[in-house]
Amino acid sequence: MTSRPTSSAIARPFRPGDLSKLLPLNNSAVPAVNELTAEDLLDLVNSALICLVADIDDMPAGFLLCIGDGTAYDSRNYRWLSERFSNFAYTDRIAVDEKQRGRKIGETLYDGLFRHLAGSGRSFVCEVNERPPNPGSLKFHKRLGFEEIGKADHGDKAVIYLKRPPQPADRDRHA
């Protein structure tokens, strides 16, 4: 039996020099995420609650961009969630370098997000494409404790909305 490779990635906050490396990661993940220009990605990073970057050997191997509730973010999925929930952290996008997939980079990014927001009372929300299908992402999110909370068919895409309870403060985690 073979074991899955573990991540040697370190999650850290976005730095200005990351943009040129993250844009190709984002755009190679289409259709799981929408394609962006450098200006669009920078605008998202600047409006984000947090943007975490996974480094392997000091090179970005993936990123997770999270938007807080109560913003004017113009996304139909964000609006759907905002109409139903408050005090949330919305994973707008997560992208991992194709050559680095299978090394638990997504888990490293989410672990960084959960630790960053531990004790904040924010629940974690996202959506996964149902059309075009993204069964790997759905399985991944469910493994991390996300549960289905709704669906929407936008015509060009259909999505499944997911939610995970707030992360307790670190001191309460092992109680």
Foldseek 3Di string as FASTA:
>chain_A
DDDFAAAPWAKDFDDPVCLVVALVQQQVPPPFADHDDSVVVVVQCVQFPTKIFIDDPNHTFKIWTKHAADDPDPDPVNVVVNVPDHQAIEGNDIGGHPVCPRHCSVVNRVVVVLQVCAQVFHKYKYKGWPVVHDVVVVVVVVVVAWDFDDWDDPPNTIITMTIHGHHHHPVPNVD
